[in-house]
Amino acid sequence: MHKYLRSIGFSNIHGDKDAEFFLNLAVSDRFRAGTFTDESGIVFEEYRLRVGSSMGICIVGHRDKDGKFYRNYYFPYMKSHESTLTEEGAVERHAEKETYAGILDDFRAGITLIFYLCNSLEMREFEQQGLDVGVKKAYITGLSVEGKVLLPAEKAEEDEESANRRYREQKALYEAARNGDEDAIETLTETDMNLMSEAAQRIETEDLYSIVESSFMPAGIECDIYQILGEITAIRARLNAFTHETVLDLRINCNDAIFHVCINKADLEGVPTVGRRFKGRVWMQGDIEFSKYSASKNENEALDSD
């Protein structure tokens, strides 16, 4: 069973047997979202059972020559309609199955963001056609099965122009450091050391979460699981049409990065309001809108040699 089914309102599903009804319901022409035929002639199909506004269960499988469908894997999803920064993006295939991870190197949280790619079937089709694709936009959502609401941290107000200038300067430093600029590396290292020193002094008299306004860091051994702390900037309640459980869609500002977090209302401790903060572990997933693509490098080289 997929652990994060409860995030979209299936808290009473405790195994694949409990989920079988919904998985079988999804596999019909009505819910087919896409098809793909590989080089050996096997037809792969994707179905999306919508269980509420912008959320549902995605099932991917294949059909044999007799037309029987075999389920390969499934996962819950919630679609975001708000794109995030994608100046430097990539897609990498997972080792164990035909699924993919999206990678955003310019993520505003200051780290490389790795997330589960929901539209993998589209990527597989591009690969079979020998096409190179670029990342145009990414729509990111974090699914969570446990979280807390914290009070806001006191912070000095900053006008929009100053905030944008600070972000540009910080981004320029990160880019320079990635390119091997020793001065940029030294500046970032010195900044981190000063922050650590200030935090060490304040922690003696203050609570940790009054010092740390927001945070975004990998959690555990899975590369797309993160522990986050961010400000709630918008809240939307959604209803699972089958279980009638309430799911909360929280718009989060975390280290100047904006994305959505989906959590079952029953799994959230505290009362969420705009301005308060969300703290929890999330499974990052999302869809990528691919940019214009062209023939692969190998094909281009072959054409040049001709």
C-alpha atoms as a PDB file:
ATOM      1  CA  MET A   1       0.000   0.000   0.000  1.00  0.00           C
ATOM      2  CA  HIS A   2       1.190   3.521  -0.686  1.00  0.00           C
ATOM      3  CA  LYS A   3       1.854   5.272   2.614  1.00  0.00           C
ATOM      4  CA  TYR A   4       0.577   8.645   1.449  1.00  0.00           C
ATOM      5  CA  LEU A   5      -2.944   7.568   0.449  1.00  0.00           C
ATOM      6  CA  ARG A   6      -4.145   8.982   3.760  1.00  0.00           C
ATOM      7  CA  SER A   7      -2.873  12.400   2.650  1.00  0.00           C
ATOM      8  CA  ILE A   8      -5.711  12.595   0.111  1.00  0.00           C
ATOM      9  CA  GLY A   9      -8.394  11.313   2.489  1.00  0.00           C
ATOM     10  CA  PHE A  10      -7.980   7.516   2.674  1.00  0.00           C
ATOM     11  CA  SER A  11      -7.068   7.145   6.344  1.00  0.00           C
ATOM     12  CA  ASN A  12      -8.964   3.833   6.645  1.00  0.00           C
ATOM     13  CA  ILE A  13      -6.934   2.054   3.959  1.00  0.00           C
ATOM     14  CA  HIS A  14      -4.320  -0.103   5.681  1.00  0.00           C
ATOM     15  CA  GLY A  15      -3.186  -2.360   2.839  1.00  0.00           C
ATOM     16  CA  ASP A  16      -3.473  -3.133  -0.849  1.00  0.00           C
ATOM     17  CA  LYS A  17      -6.553  -5.249  -0.154  1.00  0.00           C
ATOM     18  CA  ASP A  18      -8.381  -2.213   1.253  1.00  0.00           C
ATOM     19  CA  ALA A  19      -7.363  -0.130  -1.754  1.00  0.00           C
ATOM     20  CA  GLU A  20      -8.346  -2.750  -4.346  1.00  0.00           C
ATOM     21  CA  PHE A  21     -11.867  -1.381  -4.860  1.00  0.00           C
ATOM     22  CA  PHE A  22     -10.616   2.083  -5.802  1.00  0.00           C
ATOM     23  CA  LEU A  23      -7.753   0.718  -7.941  1.00  0.00           C
ATOM     24  CA  ASN A  24     -10.123  -1.491  -9.913  1.00  0.00           C
ATOM     25  CA  LEU A  25     -12.595   1.375 -10.247  1.00  0.00           C
ATOM     26  CA  ALA A  26      -9.914   3.563 -11.795  1.00  0.00           C
ATOM     27  CA  VAL A  27      -9.039   1.141 -14.595  1.00  0.00           C
ATOM     28  CA  SER A  28     -11.717   2.062 -17.118  1.00  0.00           C
ATOM     29  CA  ASP A  29     -11.862   4.094 -20.319  1.00  0.00           C
ATOM     30  CA  ARG A  30     -13.467   6.893 -18.352  1.00  0.00           C
ATOM     31  CA  PHE A  31     -10.351   7.491 -16.263  1.00  0.00           C
ATOM     32  CA  ARG A  32      -7.623   6.718 -18.828  1.00  0.00           C
ATOM     33  CA  ALA A  33      -5.114   9.573 -18.798  1.00  0.00           C
ATOM     34  CA  GLY A  34      -2.546   8.327 -21.291  1.00  0.00           C
ATOM     35  CA  THR A  35      -1.061   5.397 -23.204  1.00  0.00           C
ATOM     36  CA  PHE A  36       2.396   4.508 -24.413  1.00  0.00           C
ATOM     37  CA  THR A  37       3.722   1.616 -26.534  1.00  0.00           C
ATOM     38  CA  ASP A  38       7.343   0.615 -26.015  1.00  0.00           C
ATOM     39  CA  GLU A  39       9.745  -0.803 -28.587  1.00  0.00           C
ATOM     40  CA  SER A  40       8.678  -4.386 -27.883  1.00  0.00           C
ATOM     41  CA  GLY A  41       5.030  -3.555 -28.528  1.00  0.00           C
ATOM     42  CA  ILE A  42       3.872  -3.630 -24.895  1.00  0.00           C
ATOM     43  CA  VAL A  43       1.121  -1.084 -24.262  1.00  0.00           C
ATOM     44  CA  PHE A  44       1.460   0.879 -21.033  1.00  0.00           C
ATOM     45  CA  GLU A  45      -1.559   2.745 -19.722  1.00  0.00           C
ATOM     46  CA  GLU A  46      -2.091   5.385 -17.068  1.00  0.00           C
ATOM     47  CA  TYR A  47      -5.367   5.904 -15.217  1.00  0.00           C
ATOM     48  CA  ARG A  48      -6.250   8.716 -12.825  1.00  0.00           C
ATOM     49  CA  LEU A  49      -9.172   8.284 -10.452  1.00  0.00           C
ATOM     50  CA  ARG A  50     -10.153  11.730  -9.267  1.00  0.00           C
ATOM     51  CA  VAL A  51     -11.310  11.622  -5.638  1.00  0.00           C
ATOM     52  CA  GLY A  52     -11.620  15.360  -5.064  1.00  0.00           C
ATOM     53  CA  SER A  53     -10.665  18.746  -6.428  1.00  0.00           C
ATOM     54  CA  SER A  54      -7.200  18.384  -8.035  1.00  0.00           C
ATOM     55  CA  MET A  55      -6.405  15.138  -6.177  1.00  0.00           C
ATOM     56  CA  GLY A  56      -6.681  11.422  -6.815  1.00  0.00           C
ATOM     57  CA  ILE A  57      -4.948   8.096  -7.387  1.00  0.00           C
ATOM     58  CA  CYS A  58      -2.739   7.421 -10.416  1.00  0.00           C
ATOM     59  CA  ILE A  59      -2.378   3.808 -11.626  1.00  0.00           C
ATOM     60  CA  VAL A  60       0.191   2.748 -14.222  1.00  0.00           C
ATOM     61  CA  GLY A  61       0.290  -0.706 -15.772  1.00  0.00           C
ATOM     62  CA  HIS A  62       0.436  -2.669 -19.007  1.00  0.00           C
ATOM     63  CA  ARG A  63      -1.763  -4.969 -21.084  1.00  0.00           C
ATOM     64  CA  ASP A  64      -0.796  -8.352 -22.436  1.00  0.00           C
ATOM     65  CA  LYS A  65      -1.655  -9.636 -25.906  1.00  0.00           C
ATOM     66  CA  ASP A  66      -5.019 -10.896 -24.637  1.00  0.00           C
ATOM     67  CA  GLY A  67      -5.957  -7.424 -23.400  1.00  0.00           C
ATOM     68  CA  LYS A  68      -5.610  -8.180 -19.681  1.00  0.00           C
ATOM     69  CA  PHE A  69      -4.379  -5.247 -17.610  1.00  0.00           C
ATOM     70  CA  TYR A  70      -1.587  -5.733 -15.072  1.00  0.00           C
ATOM     71  CA  ARG A  71      -0.968  -2.998 -12.542  1.00  0.00           C
ATOM     72  CA  ASN A  72       2.716  -2.011 -12.202  1.00  0.00           C
ATOM     73  CA  TYR A  73       2.421   0.656  -9.519  1.00  0.00           C
ATOM     74  CA  TYR A  74       0.152   3.367  -8.176  1.00  0.00           C
ATOM     75  CA  PHE A  75       0.466   6.525  -6.095  1.00  0.00           C
ATOM     76  CA  PRO A  76      -1.711   9.327  -4.711  1.00  0.00           C
ATOM     77  CA  TYR A  77      -1.352  12.784  -6.172  1.00  0.00           C
ATOM     78  CA  MET A  78      -2.480  16.355  -5.722  1.00  0.00           C
ATOM     79  CA  LYS A  79      -2.012  18.733  -8.623  1.00  0.00           C
ATOM     80  CA  SER A  80      -0.673  22.220  -8.102  1.00  0.00           C
ATOM     81  CA  HIS A  81      -1.558  25.010 -10.515  1.00  0.00           C
ATOM     82  CA  GLU A  82       1.303  27.231  -9.377  1.00  0.00           C
ATOM     83  CA  SER A  83       4.644  26.782 -11.090  1.00  0.00           C
ATOM     84  CA  THR A  84       7.988  27.130  -9.360  1.00  0.00           C
ATOM     85  CA  LEU A  85      11.452  28.222 -10.540  1.00  0.00           C
ATOM     86  CA  THR A  86      12.883  25.947 -13.218  1.00  0.00           C
ATOM     87  CA  GLU A  87      15.868  27.780 -14.698  1.00  0.00           C
ATOM     88  CA  GLU A  88      17.989  24.670 -14.160  1.00  0.00           C
ATOM     89  CA  GLY A  89      15.964  21.473 -14.229  1.00  0.00           C
ATOM     90  CA  ALA A  90      16.539  17.853 -15.186  1.00  0.00           C
ATOM     91  CA  VAL A  91      14.896  14.431 -15.098  1.00  0.00           C
ATOM     92  CA  GLU A  92      16.557  11.183 -13.987  1.00  0.00           C
ATOM     93  CA  ARG A  93      15.186   7.630 -14.164  1.00  0.00           C
ATOM     94  CA  HIS A  94      14.834   5.617 -10.960  1.00  0.00           C
ATOM     95  CA  ALA A  95      16.899   2.437 -10.804  1.00  0.00           C
ATOM     96  CA  GLU A  96      14.231  -0.038  -9.668  1.00  0.00           C
ATOM     97  CA  LYS A  97      11.378   0.742 -12.095  1.00  0.00           C
ATOM     98  CA  GLU A  98      10.283   2.901 -15.001  1.00  0.00           C
ATOM     99  CA  THR A  99       9.638   6.001 -12.941  1.00  0.00           C
ATOM    100  CA  TYR A 100      11.510   9.282 -12.815  1.00  0.00           C
ATOM    101  CA  ALA A 101      12.716  11.964 -10.444  1.00  0.00           C
ATOM    102  CA  GLY A 102      12.537  15.648 -11.266  1.00  0.00           C
ATOM    103  CA  ILE A 103      15.478  17.794 -10.195  1.00  0.00           C
ATOM    104  CA  LEU A 104      15.522  21.553  -9.690  1.00  0.00           C
ATOM    105  CA  ASP A 105      19.050  22.854  -9.182  1.00  0.00           C
ATOM    106  CA  ASP A 106      17.981  26.480  -8.762  1.00  0.00           C
ATOM    107  CA  PHE A 107      15.447  25.832  -6.014  1.00  0.00           C
ATOM    108  CA  ARG A 108      15.069  28.875  -3.765  1.00  0.00           C
ATOM    109  CA  ALA A 109      15.425  26.883  -0.551  1.00  0.00           C
ATOM    110  CA  GLY A 110      19.170  26.828  -1.206  1.00  0.00           C
ATOM    111  CA  ILE A 111      19.373  23.111  -1.996  1.00  0.00           C
ATOM    112  CA  THR A 112      18.782  20.887  -5.005  1.00  0.00           C
ATOM    113  CA  LEU A 113      15.159  19.753  -4.887  1.00  0.00           C
ATOM    114  CA  ILE A 114      14.454  16.158  -5.925  1.00  0.00           C
ATOM    115  CA  PHE A 115      10.821  15.148  -6.388  1.00  0.00           C
ATOM    116  CA  TYR A 116       8.786  12.233  -7.732  1.00  0.00           C
ATOM    117  CA  LEU A 117       7.708  12.890 -11.310  1.00  0.00           C
ATOM    118  CA  CYS A 118       3.977  12.252 -11.736  1.00  0.00           C
ATOM    119  CA  ASN A 119       3.906  12.475 -15.543  1.00  0.00           C
ATOM    120  CA  SER A 120       6.520   9.738 -16.108  1.00  0.00           C
ATOM    121  CA  LEU A 121       4.648   8.184 -19.023  1.00  0.00           C
ATOM    122  CA  GLU A 122       5.167  11.359 -21.034  1.00  0.00           C
ATOM    123  CA  MET A 123       8.887  11.259 -20.295  1.00  0.00           C
ATOM    124  CA  ARG A 124       9.134   7.615 -21.381  1.00  0.00           C
ATOM    125  CA  GLU A 125       7.543   8.472 -24.707  1.00  0.00           C
ATOM    126  CA  PHE A 126      10.081  11.242 -25.316  1.00  0.00           C
ATOM    127  CA  GLU A 127      12.941   8.875 -24.491  1.00  0.00           C
ATOM    128  CA  GLN A 128      11.709   6.204 -26.894  1.00  0.00           C
ATOM    129  CA  GLN A 129      11.506   8.794 -29.660  1.00  0.00           C
ATOM    130  CA  GLY A 130      15.136   9.719 -28.947  1.00  0.00           C
ATOM    131  CA  LEU A 131      14.289  13.286 -28.029  1.00  0.00           C
ATOM    132  CA  ASP A 132      16.042  15.651 -25.640  1.00  0.00           C
ATOM    133  CA  VAL A 133      13.657  17.596 -23.445  1.00  0.00           C
ATOM    134  CA  GLY A 134      14.077  20.698 -21.361  1.00  0.00           C
ATOM    135  CA  VAL A 135      12.201  21.633 -18.215  1.00  0.00           C
ATOM    136  CA  LYS A 136       9.951  24.608 -18.845  1.00  0.00           C
ATOM    137  CA  LYS A 137       7.824  24.649 -15.674  1.00  0.00           C
ATOM    138  CA  ALA A 138       7.397  22.464 -12.590  1.00  0.00           C
ATOM    139  CA  TYR A 139       4.309  22.192 -10.406  1.00  0.00           C
ATOM    140  CA  ILE A 140       5.330  20.940  -6.966  1.00  0.00           C
ATOM    141  CA  THR A 141       3.256  19.500  -4.121  1.00  0.00           C
ATOM    142  CA  GLY A 142       4.295  17.906  -0.848  1.00  0.00           C
ATOM    143  CA  LEU A 143       2.137  15.102   0.581  1.00  0.00           C
ATOM    144  CA  SER A 144       2.281  14.742   4.349  1.00  0.00           C
ATOM    145  CA  VAL A 145       0.894  12.221   6.850  1.00  0.00           C
ATOM    146  CA  GLU A 146       1.777  14.183   9.973  1.00  0.00           C
ATOM    147  CA  GLY A 147       2.343  17.843  10.737  1.00  0.00           C
ATOM    148  CA  LYS A 148       2.068  20.584  13.318  1.00  0.00           C
ATOM    149  CA  VAL A 149       1.023  24.203  13.236  1.00  0.00           C
ATOM    150  CA  LEU A 150       3.426  26.583  14.966  1.00  0.00           C
ATOM    151  CA  LEU A 151       2.993  30.216  15.867  1.00  0.00           C
ATOM    152  CA  PRO A 152       4.720  32.724  13.570  1.00  0.00           C
ATOM    153  CA  ALA A 153       8.229  33.882  14.357  1.00  0.00           C
ATOM    154  CA  GLU A 154       8.836  37.555  14.989  1.00  0.00           C
ATOM    155  CA  LYS A 155      10.707  39.071  12.070  1.00  0.00           C
ATOM    156  CA  ALA A 156      11.657  42.484  10.793  1.00  0.00           C
ATOM    157  CA  GLU A 157       9.575  43.717   7.887  1.00  0.00           C
ATOM    158  CA  GLU A 158      11.355  44.013   4.551  1.00  0.00           C
ATOM    159  CA  ASP A 159      10.067  45.843   1.501  1.00  0.00           C
ATOM    160  CA  GLU A 160       9.679  43.950  -1.764  1.00  0.00           C
ATOM    161  CA  GLU A 161      12.544  45.727  -3.516  1.00  0.00           C
ATOM    162  CA  SER A 162      15.003  44.901  -0.727  1.00  0.00           C
ATOM    163  CA  ALA A 163      13.812  41.274  -0.622  1.00  0.00           C
ATOM    164  CA  ASN A 164      14.260  40.882  -4.381  1.00  0.00           C
ATOM    165  CA  ARG A 165      17.735  42.441  -4.224  1.00  0.00           C
ATOM    166  CA  ARG A 166      18.718  40.114  -1.368  1.00  0.00           C
ATOM    167  CA  TYR A 167      17.482  37.096  -3.316  1.00  0.00           C
ATOM    168  CA  ARG A 168      19.395  38.113  -6.450  1.00  0.00           C
ATOM    169  CA  GLU A 169      22.583  38.589  -4.482  1.00  0.00           C
ATOM    170  CA  GLN A 170      22.183  35.253  -2.717  1.00  0.00           C
ATOM    171  CA  LYS A 171      21.463  33.437  -5.978  1.00  0.00           C
ATOM    172  CA  ALA A 172      24.502  35.002  -7.634  1.00  0.00           C
ATOM    173  CA  LEU A 173      26.665  33.772  -4.752  1.00  0.00           C
ATOM    174  CA  TYR A 174      25.303  30.203  -5.014  1.00  0.00           C
ATOM    175  CA  GLU A 175      25.873  30.155  -8.772  1.00  0.00           C
ATOM    176  CA  ALA A 176      29.401  31.500  -8.413  1.00  0.00           C
ATOM    177  CA  ALA A 177      30.180  28.943  -5.697  1.00  0.00           C
ATOM    178  CA  ARG A 178      28.907  26.102  -7.920  1.00  0.00           C
ATOM    179  CA  ASN A 179      31.231  27.323 -10.657  1.00  0.00           C
ATOM    180  CA  GLY A 180      34.208  27.142  -8.309  1.00  0.00           C
ATOM    181  CA  ASP A 181      34.547  30.822  -7.340  1.00  0.00           C
ATOM    182  CA  GLU A 182      36.679  30.709  -4.186  1.00  0.00           C
ATOM    183  CA  ASP A 183      35.599  34.170  -3.029  1.00  0.00           C
ATOM    184  CA  ALA A 184      31.921  33.176  -3.243  1.00  0.00           C
ATOM    185  CA  ILE A 185      32.594  29.921  -1.377  1.00  0.00           C
ATOM    186  CA  GLU A 186      34.454  31.832   1.319  1.00  0.00           C
ATOM    187  CA  THR A 187      31.631  34.396   1.630  1.00  0.00           C
ATOM    188  CA  LEU A 188      28.980  31.668   1.970  1.00  0.00           C
ATOM    189  CA  THR A 189      31.091  29.782   4.490  1.00  0.00           C
ATOM    190  CA  GLU A 190      31.627  32.916   6.561  1.00  0.00           C
ATOM    191  CA  THR A 191      27.891  33.702   6.457  1.00  0.00           C
ATOM    192  CA  ASP A 192      27.030  30.187   7.638  1.00  0.00           C
ATOM    193  CA  MET A 193      29.566  30.395  10.477  1.00  0.00           C
ATOM    194  CA  ASN A 194      28.151  33.750  11.616  1.00  0.00           C
ATOM    195  CA  LEU A 195      24.621  32.334  11.587  1.00  0.00           C
ATOM    196  CA  MET A 196      25.727  29.294  13.589  1.00  0.00           C
ATOM    197  CA  SER A 197      27.457  31.517  16.128  1.00  0.00           C
ATOM    198  CA  GLU A 198      24.394  33.743  16.487  1.00  0.00           C
ATOM    199  CA  ALA A 199      22.090  30.727  16.807  1.00  0.00           C
ATOM    200  CA  ALA A 200      24.342  29.134  19.450  1.00  0.00           C
ATOM    201  CA  GLN A 201      24.166  32.290  21.559  1.00  0.00           C
ATOM    202  CA  ARG A 202      20.408  32.754  21.210  1.00  0.00           C
ATOM    203  CA  ILE A 203      19.518  29.101  21.855  1.00  0.00           C
ATOM    204  CA  GLU A 204      20.593  29.547  25.497  1.00  0.00           C
ATOM    205  CA  THR A 205      17.705  31.929  26.185  1.00  0.00           C
ATOM    206  CA  GLU A 206      15.238  31.366  23.318  1.00  0.00           C
ATOM    207  CA  ASP A 207      13.172  28.533  21.869  1.00  0.00           C
ATOM    208  CA  LEU A 208      14.582  26.915  18.714  1.00  0.00           C
ATOM    209  CA  TYR A 209      11.560  27.802  16.568  1.00  0.00           C
ATOM    210  CA  SER A 210      11.723  31.453  17.522  1.00  0.00           C
ATOM    211  CA  ILE A 211      15.233  31.488  16.021  1.00  0.00           C
ATOM    212  CA  VAL A 212      14.620  29.315  12.964  1.00  0.00           C
ATOM    213  CA  GLU A 213      11.946  31.036  10.903  1.00  0.00           C
ATOM    214  CA  SER A 214      11.832  28.391   8.158  1.00  0.00           C
ATOM    215  CA  SER A 215      13.846  25.380   7.036  1.00  0.00           C
ATOM    216  CA  PHE A 216      13.966  22.832   4.229  1.00  0.00           C
ATOM    217  CA  MET A 217      16.167  19.760   4.542  1.00  0.00           C
ATOM    218  CA  PRO A 218      16.299  16.132   3.353  1.00  0.00           C
ATOM    219  CA  ALA A 219      14.909  13.599   5.831  1.00  0.00           C
ATOM    220  CA  GLY A 220      15.834   9.925   5.932  1.00  0.00           C
ATOM    221  CA  ILE A 221      17.382   7.875   3.136  1.00  0.00           C
ATOM    222  CA  GLU A 222      14.750   8.572   0.467  1.00  0.00           C
ATOM    223  CA  CYS A 223      15.860  11.435  -1.741  1.00  0.00           C
ATOM    224  CA  ASP A 224      12.381  12.965  -2.225  1.00  0.00           C
ATOM    225  CA  ILE A 225      11.402  13.123   1.478  1.00  0.00           C
ATOM    226  CA  TYR A 226      11.999  16.432   3.270  1.00  0.00           C
ATOM    227  CA  GLN A 227      11.483  17.951   6.697  1.00  0.00           C
ATOM    228  CA  ILE A 228      10.100  21.438   6.239  1.00  0.00           C
ATOM    229  CA  LEU A 229       9.163  24.458   8.297  1.00  0.00           C
ATOM    230  CA  GLY A 230       7.444  27.267   6.455  1.00  0.00           C
ATOM    231  CA  GLU A 231       4.859  30.006   6.664  1.00  0.00           C
ATOM    232  CA  ILE A 232       1.263  29.260   5.668  1.00  0.00           C
ATOM    233  CA  THR A 233       0.216  31.861   3.092  1.00  0.00           C
ATOM    234  CA  ALA A 234      -3.106  30.341   1.973  1.00  0.00           C
ATOM    235  CA  ILE A 235      -5.434  27.499   2.995  1.00  0.00           C
ATOM    236  CA  ARG A 236      -7.955  25.555   0.962  1.00  0.00           C
ATOM    237  CA  ALA A 237     -10.075  22.659   2.223  1.00  0.00           C
ATOM    238  CA  ARG A 238     -10.899  19.816  -0.176  1.00  0.00           C
ATOM    239  CA  LEU A 239     -13.294  16.891   0.339  1.00  0.00           C
ATOM    240  CA  ASN A 240     -12.621  13.271  -0.644  1.00  0.00           C
ATOM    241  CA  ALA A 241     -15.766  12.285  -2.581  1.00  0.00           C
ATOM    242  CA  PHE A 242     -15.547   8.632  -1.482  1.00  0.00           C
ATOM    243  CA  THR A 243     -14.602   8.879   2.205  1.00  0.00           C
ATOM    244  CA  HIS A 244     -15.858  12.449   2.900  1.00  0.00           C
ATOM    245  CA  GLU A 245     -12.637  13.161   4.778  1.00  0.00           C
ATOM    246  CA  THR A 246     -11.339  16.731   4.700  1.00  0.00           C
ATOM    247  CA  VAL A 247      -7.969  17.352   3.090  1.00  0.00           C
ATOM    248  CA  LEU A 248      -6.110  20.624   3.577  1.00  0.00           C
ATOM    249  CA  ASP A 249      -4.153  22.256   0.770  1.00  0.00           C
ATOM    250  CA  LEU A 250      -1.644  24.580   2.454  1.00  0.00           C
ATOM    251  CA  ARG A 251       0.302  27.079   0.387  1.00  0.00           C
ATOM    252  CA  ILE A 252       3.724  27.284   2.045  1.00  0.00           C
ATOM    253  CA  ASN A 253       6.483  29.878   1.843  1.00  0.00           C
ATOM    254  CA  CYS A 254       9.658  28.078   2.874  1.00  0.00           C
ATOM    255  CA  ASN A 255      12.984  29.888   2.519  1.00  0.00           C
ATOM    256  CA  ASP A 256      11.366  32.096  -0.170  1.00  0.00           C
ATOM    257  CA  ALA A 257      10.246  28.980  -2.100  1.00  0.00           C
ATOM    258  CA  ILE A 258       6.498  28.661  -2.725  1.00  0.00           C
ATOM    259  CA  PHE A 259       4.817  25.257  -2.988  1.00  0.00           C
ATOM    260  CA  HIS A 260       1.723  23.415  -1.739  1.00  0.00           C
ATOM    261  CA  VAL A 261       1.410  20.807   1.013  1.00  0.00           C
ATOM    262  CA  CYS A 262      -1.475  18.331   1.087  1.00  0.00           C
ATOM    263  CA  ILE A 263      -2.417  16.773   4.448  1.00  0.00           C
ATOM    264  CA  ASN A 264      -5.431  15.019   5.923  1.00  0.00           C
ATOM    265  CA  LYS A 265      -7.082  17.381   8.396  1.00  0.00           C
ATOM    266  CA  ALA A 266      -7.077  14.607  11.012  1.00  0.00           C
ATOM    267  CA  ASP A 267      -3.271  14.328  10.750  1.00  0.00           C
ATOM    268  CA  LEU A 268      -2.582  18.017  11.368  1.00  0.00           C
ATOM    269  CA  GLU A 269      -1.971  19.058  14.964  1.00  0.00           C
ATOM    270  CA  GLY A 270      -3.087  22.612  15.673  1.00  0.00           C
ATOM    271  CA  VAL A 271      -5.301  25.140  13.939  1.00  0.00           C
ATOM    272  CA  PRO A 272      -3.900  26.373  10.601  1.00  0.00           C
ATOM    273  CA  THR A 273      -4.317  30.052   9.807  1.00  0.00           C
ATOM    274  CA  VAL A 274      -2.545  32.342   7.377  1.00  0.00           C
ATOM    275  CA  GLY A 275       0.627  33.674   9.013  1.00  0.00           C
ATOM    276  CA  ARG A 276       1.241  30.633  11.207  1.00  0.00           C
ATOM    277  CA  ARG A 277       3.807  28.013  10.244  1.00  0.00           C
ATOM    278  CA  PHE A 278       3.602  24.385   9.150  1.00  0.00           C
ATOM    279  CA  LYS A 279       6.192  21.886  10.392  1.00  0.00           C
ATOM    280  CA  GLY A 280       6.238  18.346   9.060  1.00  0.00           C
ATOM    281  CA  ARG A 281       7.727  15.692   6.845  1.00  0.00           C
ATOM    282  CA  VAL A 282       6.589  15.709   3.217  1.00  0.00           C
ATOM    283  CA  TRP A 283       6.940  13.529   0.131  1.00  0.00           C
ATOM    284  CA  MET A 284       7.677  15.905  -2.744  1.00  0.00           C
ATOM    285  CA  GLN A 285       6.013  15.156  -6.065  1.00  0.00           C
ATOM    286  CA  GLY A 286       5.041  17.131  -9.112  1.00  0.00           C
ATOM    287  CA  ASP A 287       4.418  17.471 -12.826  1.00  0.00           C
ATOM    288  CA  ILE A 288       6.867  18.931 -15.310  1.00  0.00           C
ATOM    289  CA  GLU A 289       5.870  20.927 -18.351  1.00  0.00           C
ATOM    290  CA  PHE A 290       8.553  20.123 -20.875  1.00  0.00           C
ATOM    291  CA  SER A 291       9.995  22.759 -23.185  1.00  0.00           C
ATOM    292  CA  LYS A 292      10.472  22.381 -26.923  1.00  0.00           C
ATOM    293  CA  TYR A 293      12.480  19.282 -27.686  1.00  0.00           C
ATOM    294  CA  SER A 294      14.793  18.279 -30.503  1.00  0.00           C
ATOM    295  CA  ALA A 295      16.605  15.245 -31.795  1.00  0.00           C
ATOM    296  CA  SER A 296      18.937  13.583 -29.309  1.00  0.00           C
ATOM    297  CA  LYS A 297      22.655  14.298 -29.346  1.00  0.00           C
ATOM    298  CA  ASN A 298      23.403  10.920 -30.898  1.00  0.00           C
ATOM    299  CA  GLU A 299      21.041  11.630 -33.791  1.00  0.00           C
ATOM    300  CA  ASN A 300      22.514  15.097 -34.275  1.00  0.00           C
ATOM    301  CA  GLU A 301      26.032  13.665 -34.349  1.00  0.00           C
ATOM    302  CA  ALA A 302      24.935  11.066 -36.881  1.00  0.00           C
ATOM    303  CA  LEU A 303      23.399  13.788 -39.068  1.00  0.00           C
ATOM    304  CA  ASP A 304      26.563  15.892 -38.813  1.00  0.00           C
ATOM    305  CA  SER A 305      28.740  12.932 -39.844  1.00  0.00           C
ATOM    306  CA  ASP A 306      26.565  12.373 -42.904  1.00  0.00           C
END
